[in-house]
Amino acid sequence: MTISAVMASLLKHPDEGYVLVAGLGVSGVAIVRFLRSKNIRVVATDSRPLGPDVTAPLEALGARCETGGHSAETFEGAALIVTSPGIPLDMPFFERARARGITVSGELDLFACFLERPLVAITGTNGKTTVTTLVSQMLKRSGVSVFTGGNIGTPLVRFLESGQTEDVVVAEVSSFQLDAATMFAPRVAVLLNIAEDHMDRYENFAAYADSKWSLLGNQSEQDFAVVNQNLSIDADRKRVIPATLLTFGGGNDCNAAIDNRAIAIGTPDQNFVLDLSVTRLNGAHNRENIAAAALAALLAGATPAGIQSALDDFSGLAHRTEYVATLNGVAYYNDSKGTNPHAVAGALRGFDRVVLILGGRSKGTDFSCLGPLVNQRVKTVIVMGEAAREIKASLGTTVEILEAGSMADAVSVAGRLAVHGDTVLLSPGCSSFDMYDNYGHRGNDFKNQVMKRKGNTP
């Protein structure tokens, strides 16, 4: 049974069953709150031993919470299971539930059941948050009210709780979220890029790529699919893209054609040229992000003037090639959000004479692809974290590679090695969970260590 059919039945007959919410992170808690606002019975489960600060507010709403482990009976007795994206869909509890005919879904499909506004959804290996933020700002500068959520940090169901007052929803969507979606259908779907990532979660790269492409699979002929021209769109792929296809990239035949100074944008209804002379977003990867954002925003109702104004004032996001400080002529940049080799490559192309800090927890990706670019632009590589030796073994460069035991150690070594005109770049190419809570925690540690050096610099 589809999630929409189950939800319709539970809304009419609340006593006939319960929704099991698996995972009580930020999105799981928001889902419990939303379902209870609809008077739907909820059981919430988490393998972690969570305290009353998490469970008590949910129990006060009438939800039952089971934490510190999972119960097979709870999973097998649910009318529907809504899972958090961090939980692998092949978890045995899910498999047993499916064998009993129970649907296992995620936030995206739950959101789709109730959404009454146009939706712009953005996915890709890199650049999602930047493009999501840009699209939102471009629409706002055009007089369109916007709710921004999804993988960017705010659960989408909060929009449903708020009463759906904004004109448009702009959502950042991850592959993990898409894996649990079967009916999520954006009015405008944006596919930025696909590069090797999360190989610890997917069987192979093809499976990961299929997850990204699935964003377009449920659209209709009235919708728009905005896709990077550099992605291979063969005949088989085109046959399963029902929406109107528009592309962005360096080719003149793109709907958003990029050169170094401007982007020529053309849709079935409008044409204009976006000036890049003022923007602070540098690098070829950011020009692609700008092109995708402008095209998507235009399709969602933004004006050329609003798009240009938002771009001119946009200064970038924290932890994404973020300038930190210049010490003794050495510039320090924080790209902690660069959690895969493709992101590292994008950051490196913006600099010469780099001391590069890599490392963290491996996601099963291959760092050897960085070898030529590192040889061309990097003076020294400093590796740290669980993946340090793996990176050192696979990078295959002629550049000196040193190991550091901590961020303080890495920044100290980089500071000693870098000379006037060099750049020290933290772009780890790995997840942060070996040493940090998240990429922001890691990036802030880097910035703090840099500022400590600044305080000690004459």
Foldseek 3Di string as FASTA:
>chain_A
DDPLVLVVVCLVPQVPFAEEEEDQDQQSLLVLVLCLVSVHAYEYEYLAPDDCVRVVVSVVSPYHYHYNHDDLCVLLRGQEYEYDLVDACVPVSNVVNVVSVHAYAYLLAVLVSQDDAAEEEEEEPDDLLVLLVLLQQLLVLQVFFEDEEEPNHHRSCVCVVVVVPGHYYYYYYYLSNLVRDDAREHLEYEYQYADDFLVVRDVDSVRSVVSSLCNQQNYAQNGEYEYEPPDDCDPVNVVRRHYHYAYEDCDPPGQFHDDPFWTWHHDPVDTDIAGPPQAQDDFPSVRSSLSRSVNSSVSVPGDPVSSNVSRNPDNDDPQCQDWQDAAQQETEGGNLVLQALVSVLRSQVVAAAEAEEAEADDSPHAQCVCAVSCQGGYQEYEYEYPCRVVNVVRVPHPHHYHYDHDLLRSVVVRVVPDHRRYYYYYNHNRFHVRPDPGSVRVRVVNSVSVVVVVVVGD
